[in-house]
Protein backbone atom coordinates (compact mmCIF):
# COMPACT_ATOMS: atom_id res chain seq x y z
CA MET A 1 0.00 0.00 0.00
CA GLY A 2 2.97 2.31 0.47
CA ARG A 3 3.37 2.94 -3.27
CA LEU A 4 -0.32 3.79 -3.69
CA GLN A 5 -0.21 6.13 -0.69
CA GLN A 6 2.70 7.97 -2.31
CA THR A 7 0.82 8.14 -5.61
CA LEU A 8 -2.26 9.46 -3.81
CA SER A 9 -0.09 12.11 -2.20
CA ASN A 10 1.23 13.08 -5.61
CA VAL A 11 -2.32 13.46 -6.95
CA SER A 12 -3.17 15.75 -4.02
CA ASP A 13 0.02 17.78 -4.53
CA GLU A 14 -0.73 18.29 -8.23
CA THR A 15 -4.18 19.80 -7.82
CA GLU A 16 -2.85 23.29 -8.55
CA GLN A 17 -1.34 22.18 -11.87
CA ASP A 18 -2.90 21.28 -15.22
CA ASN A 19 -4.95 18.21 -14.38
CA GLY A 20 -6.19 17.30 -17.81
CA ARG A 21 -9.37 16.90 -19.79
CA VAL A 22 -11.69 13.90 -19.93
CA GLY A 23 -14.06 13.07 -22.79
CA ILE A 24 -17.06 10.75 -22.39
CA VAL A 25 -19.33 8.95 -24.83
CA GLY A 26 -22.25 7.23 -23.15
CA GLY A 27 -25.88 7.40 -22.16
CA SER A 28 -29.14 6.45 -23.80
CA VAL A 29 -32.86 6.95 -23.28
CA ALA A 30 -32.81 3.92 -20.99
CA TYR A 31 -29.73 5.09 -19.03
CA PRO A 32 -29.56 8.89 -19.23
CA SER A 33 -27.61 9.73 -16.08
CA GLN A 34 -24.52 7.53 -16.43
CA PRO A 35 -22.37 10.05 -18.38
CA ALA A 36 -23.10 12.70 -15.76
CA LEU A 37 -21.99 10.41 -12.92
CA VAL A 38 -18.78 9.62 -14.78
CA GLY A 39 -18.15 13.30 -15.43
CA GLN A 40 -18.79 14.42 -11.88
CA ALA A 41 -16.48 11.70 -10.54
CA ALA A 42 -13.73 12.85 -12.91
CA LEU A 43 -14.14 16.46 -11.81
CA ARG A 44 -14.06 15.50 -8.12
CA THR A 45 -10.87 13.53 -8.76
CA GLY A 46 -9.26 16.70 -10.08
CA SER A 47 -9.82 16.94 -13.83
CA ASP A 48 -9.93 20.51 -15.13
CA HIS A 49 -12.53 19.93 -17.87
CA VAL A 50 -14.96 17.13 -18.67
CA ARG A 51 -16.99 16.94 -21.89
CA ALA A 52 -19.81 14.42 -22.36
CA PHE A 53 -20.98 13.55 -25.89
CA VAL A 54 -24.50 12.13 -25.71
CA PRO A 55 -27.54 11.37 -27.91
CA GLU A 56 -29.92 14.22 -28.60
CA PRO A 57 -32.89 12.90 -26.53
CA ILE A 58 -30.94 12.97 -23.26
CA TYR A 59 -28.88 16.12 -23.84
CA GLU A 60 -30.93 18.29 -21.48
CA ILE A 61 -30.94 15.61 -18.78
CA VAL A 62 -27.16 15.27 -18.80
CA ALA A 63 -26.54 19.01 -19.10
CA GLY A 64 -28.95 19.63 -16.22
CA HIS A 65 -27.01 17.46 -13.78
CA SER A 66 -24.28 20.02 -13.20
CA PRO A 67 -23.19 23.40 -14.60
CA ASN A 68 -19.62 22.15 -14.27
CA LEU A 69 -20.02 19.59 -17.07
CA LEU A 70 -19.47 20.45 -20.72
CA VAL A 71 -22.08 18.59 -22.78
CA ASP A 72 -22.41 18.12 -26.54
CA ARG A 73 -24.88 16.02 -28.54
CA TYR A 74 -25.19 13.92 -31.66
CA ASP A 75 -28.42 14.05 -33.65
CA ARG A 76 -29.67 10.48 -33.16
CA GLU A 77 -30.99 8.20 -30.43
CA GLN A 78 -28.26 5.54 -30.61
CA PHE A 79 -24.53 5.71 -31.13
CA ASP A 80 -23.72 4.73 -34.73
CA ASP A 81 -21.18 5.43 -37.47
CA GLY A 82 -22.55 8.95 -37.91
CA ALA A 83 -21.26 9.88 -34.45
CA VAL A 84 -17.77 8.41 -34.77
CA GLU A 85 -16.01 11.40 -36.35
CA ARG A 86 -17.38 13.81 -33.74
CA THR A 87 -16.32 11.34 -31.06
CA LEU A 88 -12.78 11.47 -32.42
CA GLU A 89 -12.87 15.26 -32.26
CA VAL A 90 -13.77 15.08 -28.56
CA ALA A 91 -11.00 12.51 -28.07
CA ASP A 92 -8.48 14.82 -29.76
CA TRP A 93 -9.49 17.54 -27.28
CA ALA A 94 -9.17 15.18 -24.31
CA ASP A 95 -6.24 13.70 -22.38
CA ALA A 96 -8.26 10.58 -21.49
CA PHE A 97 -11.55 9.13 -22.67
CA VAL A 98 -14.43 6.97 -21.41
CA ILE A 99 -16.78 5.03 -23.67
CA GLY A 100 -19.67 2.79 -22.72
CA PRO A 101 -21.51 3.88 -19.55
CA GLY A 102 -25.23 3.63 -20.33
CA LEU A 103 -24.52 3.27 -24.05
CA ALA A 104 -27.51 1.02 -24.81
CA ASP A 105 -28.35 -0.19 -28.34
CA ALA A 106 -25.16 1.23 -29.85
CA ASP A 107 -23.96 -0.02 -33.22
CA PRO A 108 -21.18 -2.51 -32.33
CA ASP A 109 -19.15 -1.62 -35.42
CA ALA A 110 -19.25 2.08 -34.53
CA VAL A 111 -18.10 1.37 -30.97
CA ARG A 112 -15.31 -0.85 -32.27
CA GLU A 113 -14.16 1.79 -34.74
CA ALA A 114 -14.18 4.55 -32.13
CA VAL A 115 -12.13 2.51 -29.65
CA ASP A 116 -9.74 1.47 -32.40
CA ARG A 117 -9.10 5.05 -33.54
CA ILE A 118 -8.99 6.94 -30.24
CA GLU A 119 -5.35 7.63 -29.44
CA VAL A 120 -5.54 8.89 -25.85
CA PRO A 121 -5.79 6.43 -22.93
CA ILE A 122 -9.32 5.07 -22.86
CA VAL A 123 -11.60 3.49 -20.27
CA VAL A 124 -13.95 0.97 -21.90
CA ASP A 125 -16.95 0.37 -19.68
CA ALA A 126 -20.17 -1.63 -19.55
CA LEU A 127 -21.97 -1.98 -22.88
CA ALA A 128 -18.91 -0.99 -24.92
CA ILE A 129 -16.79 -3.89 -23.63
CA GLU A 130 -18.03 -6.68 -25.89
CA PRO A 131 -17.86 -4.78 -29.21
CA ALA A 132 -14.46 -3.34 -28.25
CA LEU A 133 -12.85 -6.78 -27.91
CA GLU A 134 -11.90 -6.76 -31.59
CA ALA A 135 -10.30 -3.30 -31.36
CA ASP A 136 -6.77 -2.31 -30.33
CA LEU A 137 -6.88 -2.33 -26.52
CA SER A 138 -3.19 -1.72 -25.83
CA ASN A 139 -4.06 1.76 -24.50
CA ALA A 140 -7.23 0.72 -22.66
CA ILE A 141 -8.54 -0.05 -19.20
CA LEU A 142 -11.70 -2.19 -19.12
CA THR A 143 -14.03 -1.83 -16.13
CA PRO A 144 -16.50 -4.75 -16.21
CA SER A 145 -18.93 -5.54 -13.43
CA GLY A 146 -21.35 -8.42 -12.97
CA SER A 147 -21.48 -10.52 -16.14
CA GLU A 148 -19.84 -7.88 -18.33
CA ASP A 149 -16.63 -9.91 -18.35
CA ASP A 150 -18.38 -12.97 -19.86
CA PRO A 151 -17.41 -12.04 -23.44
CA ILE A 152 -13.75 -11.81 -22.36
CA TYR A 153 -13.86 -15.29 -20.84
CA GLY A 154 -15.62 -16.57 -23.94
CA ALA A 155 -12.97 -15.20 -26.28
CA TYR A 156 -9.80 -15.67 -24.19
CA GLY A 157 -10.57 -18.19 -21.45
CA SER A 158 -9.28 -16.00 -18.62
CA LEU A 159 -8.74 -12.36 -17.78
CA GLU A 160 -5.03 -13.00 -17.27
CA THR A 161 -4.63 -14.37 -20.81
CA PHE A 162 -6.66 -11.48 -22.18
CA SER A 163 -4.43 -8.93 -20.48
CA GLU A 164 -1.29 -10.62 -21.77
CA GLU A 165 -2.47 -10.98 -25.36
CA THR A 166 -4.08 -7.54 -25.78
CA GLY A 167 -2.08 -5.36 -23.41
CA ALA A 168 -5.32 -4.21 -21.79
CA VAL A 169 -5.67 -3.57 -18.06
CA ILE A 170 -8.86 -4.72 -16.30
CA THR A 171 -10.48 -3.39 -13.15
CA LEU A 172 -13.09 -5.96 -12.20
CA THR A 173 -15.71 -4.73 -9.74
CA GLY A 174 -17.59 -7.06 -7.42
CA GLY A 175 -17.56 -8.22 -3.81
CA VAL A 176 -13.80 -7.59 -3.89
CA ASP A 177 -12.47 -5.41 -6.69
CA GLU A 178 -9.58 -6.91 -8.63
CA ILE A 179 -7.03 -5.50 -11.06
CA VAL A 180 -5.63 -7.68 -13.84
CA ALA A 181 -2.59 -6.52 -15.80
CA GLU A 182 0.20 -8.30 -17.69
CA GLY A 183 -1.18 -11.68 -16.64
CA GLU A 184 -1.19 -10.80 -12.94
CA ARG A 185 -4.27 -10.44 -10.71
CA ILE A 186 -4.29 -8.45 -7.47
CA GLU A 187 -7.09 -7.64 -5.01
CA ASN A 188 -8.06 -4.16 -3.89
CA GLU A 189 -8.23 -3.82 -0.11
CA THR A 190 -10.80 -1.03 0.30
CA GLY A 191 -14.59 -0.91 0.01
CA THR A 192 -17.81 -1.99 1.69
CA SER A 193 -20.76 -4.23 0.83
CA ALA A 194 -22.80 -1.08 0.10
CA MET A 195 -20.64 -0.44 -2.97
CA THR A 196 -22.90 -2.64 -5.08
CA VAL A 197 -25.32 0.30 -5.40
CA ALA A 198 -26.07 1.50 -8.95
CA GLY A 199 -23.70 4.14 -10.28
CA THR A 200 -20.52 3.11 -8.46
CA GLY A 201 -19.18 1.52 -11.65
CA ASP A 202 -19.69 4.85 -13.44
CA THR A 203 -17.93 6.55 -10.54
CA LEU A 204 -14.96 4.22 -10.91
CA SER A 205 -14.72 4.95 -14.64
CA GLY A 206 -14.64 8.68 -13.94
CA ILE A 207 -11.98 8.36 -11.25
CA ILE A 208 -9.73 6.21 -13.43
CA ALA A 209 -10.16 8.47 -16.46
CA SER A 210 -9.24 11.50 -14.38
CA LEU A 211 -6.06 9.80 -13.16
CA LEU A 212 -5.17 8.85 -16.74
CA GLY A 213 -5.77 12.43 -17.84
CA GLN A 214 -3.40 13.61 -15.12
CA GLY A 215 -0.66 11.50 -16.68
CA MET A 216 -0.77 8.31 -14.63
CA ASP A 217 0.05 5.03 -16.38
CA ARG A 218 -2.79 2.56 -16.85
CA ARG A 219 -1.89 -0.03 -14.25
CA GLU A 220 -1.27 2.57 -11.57
CA ALA A 221 -4.50 4.40 -12.49
CA ALA A 222 -6.46 1.15 -12.27
CA GLU A 223 -5.02 0.23 -8.87
CA LEU A 224 -5.33 3.71 -7.38
CA GLY A 225 -8.77 4.24 -8.91
CA ALA A 226 -10.12 1.11 -7.25
CA TRP A 227 -8.51 2.10 -3.95
CA ILE A 228 -9.99 5.63 -4.07
CA LEU A 229 -13.45 4.30 -4.92
CA GLY A 230 -13.36 1.79 -2.06
CA LYS A 231 -12.02 4.23 0.50
CA THR A 232 -14.49 6.92 -0.56
CA GLY A 233 -17.27 4.35 -0.27
CA GLU A 234 -16.15 3.61 3.27
CA LEU A 235 -16.43 7.31 4.16
CA ALA A 236 -19.88 7.60 2.57
CA THR A 237 -21.15 4.38 4.18
CA ALA A 238 -19.95 5.50 7.61
CA GLU A 239 -22.29 8.48 7.30
CA HIS A 240 -25.23 7.04 5.36
CA GLY A 241 -25.15 3.34 6.18
CA PRO A 242 -26.84 0.99 3.70
CA GLY A 243 -28.67 3.94 2.11
CA VAL A 244 -25.51 5.25 0.44
CA VAL A 245 -25.88 6.21 -3.24
CA ALA A 246 -23.33 6.95 -5.94
CA THR A 247 -23.50 10.73 -5.56
CA ASP A 248 -22.67 10.36 -1.84
CA VAL A 249 -19.52 8.56 -2.89
CA ILE A 250 -18.61 11.12 -5.56
CA GLU A 251 -18.93 14.04 -3.15
CA ARG A 252 -16.36 12.45 -0.81
CA ILE A 253 -13.65 11.80 -3.40
CA PRO A 254 -11.77 15.06 -2.56
CA ASN A 255 -11.71 14.09 1.14
CA THR A 256 -10.09 10.75 0.26
CA ILE A 257 -7.49 12.43 -1.93
CA ARG A 258 -6.72 15.02 0.76
């Protein structure tokens, strides 16, 4: 834990410097709030700017979550090939990127192309994980929860083999969060049983993307991101008990970093 404590101290010390930009593609009519949760978590972790790129029908919902989020829209209900070029423009603006939270009914080919062409470090989450498996993941962190890792097991047999063959890093959320990188699996030591509440996976994606945007390498960002999420969840649960929700966790991220 000593190395992560030092890294956490470095994050806190760097809050007065340029702390990067995070781009997000996510959300749908069925899951409109996920991009906002990701964005607020990234801002609370220290990112200077966060821009969410969302479908037209949920633009006002996402933009209404917080005046601190930058929000843009594409003129369709689902993510498809017509949104890829604009996605790449957002990625060119950003220092790190998140794709997938709440991204229901997206065109798999469009997701695959976007992941393949984005050059900044990228967090691939939730519904983007399966279509992204055929893309270049050497600059990616995948954040599956529940059964979202099933396609990885189906294609590679194990998360360790997947990480070795693709170069991807995985942060697997569950009863105990685990990080898999370069064929090695380690357990995160923080967190509570209340962290199964909806939205904590989105929170993790935002935290990790912020750390990537601040210049951290992928393995370190995955390990520290999981640690911050778990420790912040402990603080929120101590106050709210089993009624803790994702926004309670997000609001306490700065306290954990301090």
